[in-house]
């Protein structure tokens, strides 16, 4: 991921036949930054009891 100086983030998502660039809004980017800071497991499944928190 790359943080944008103005607000959001750009993420690269691998696909079977290539890749996709995803532009994240400021709200989503801020949430992801906070999860990174708290070392939240990115593979967790919220609401299933397996959040990993």
Protein backbone atom coordinates (compact mmCIF):
# COMPACT_ATOMS: atom_id res chain seq x y z
CA UNK A 1 0.00 0.00 0.00
CA UNK A 2 0.99 3.57 -0.59
CA UNK A 3 -0.24 6.45 1.54
CA UNK A 4 -1.30 9.52 -0.39
CA UNK A 5 -0.23 12.86 1.05
CA UNK A 6 -3.71 14.33 0.61
CA UNK A 7 -5.89 11.68 2.30
CA UNK A 8 -6.26 8.11 1.12
CA UNK A 9 -4.28 5.07 0.15
CA UNK A 10 -3.60 3.09 -2.98
CA UNK A 11 -3.60 -0.69 -2.61
CA UNK A 12 -2.56 -3.36 -5.12
CA UNK A 13 -4.72 -6.47 -5.28
CA UNK A 14 -3.42 -9.58 -7.05
CA UNK A 15 -5.82 -11.34 -9.36
CA UNK A 16 -5.44 -14.62 -11.24
CA UNK A 17 -4.72 -12.90 -14.54
CA UNK A 18 -3.15 -9.67 -13.32
CA UNK A 19 -3.44 -6.98 -10.72
CA UNK A 20 -5.84 -4.22 -9.71
CA UNK A 21 -5.11 -0.82 -8.17
CA UNK A 22 -7.64 0.14 -5.49
CA UNK A 23 -8.03 3.71 -4.27
CA UNK A 24 -9.17 3.79 -0.65
CA UNK A 25 -11.14 6.73 0.72
CA UNK A 26 -9.81 8.78 3.61
CA UNK A 27 -12.14 7.04 6.08
CA UNK A 28 -11.12 3.53 4.98
CA UNK A 29 -7.44 4.52 4.80
CA UNK A 30 -7.59 5.94 8.35
CA UNK A 31 -9.21 2.71 9.57
CA UNK A 32 -6.50 0.60 7.91
CA UNK A 33 -3.75 2.80 9.36
CA UNK A 34 -5.22 2.33 12.83
CA UNK A 35 -5.43 -1.45 12.31
CA UNK A 36 -1.78 -1.44 11.19
CA UNK A 37 -0.81 0.56 14.28
CA UNK A 38 -2.66 -1.89 16.57
CA UNK A 39 -1.24 -4.93 14.71
CA UNK A 40 -4.72 -6.29 13.95
CA UNK A 41 -4.56 -9.55 11.95
CA UNK A 42 -5.59 -8.71 8.34
CA UNK A 43 -7.00 -12.26 7.91
CA UNK A 44 -9.55 -11.93 10.71
CA UNK A 45 -13.25 -12.34 9.92
CA UNK A 46 -15.19 -9.70 11.92
CA UNK A 47 -18.35 -10.92 13.63
CA UNK A 48 -17.47 -14.63 13.59
CA UNK A 49 -15.67 -14.86 16.91
CA UNK A 50 -12.35 -15.18 15.05
CA UNK A 51 -11.43 -11.51 15.05
CA UNK A 52 -8.00 -12.22 16.48
CA UNK A 53 -8.13 -9.29 18.86
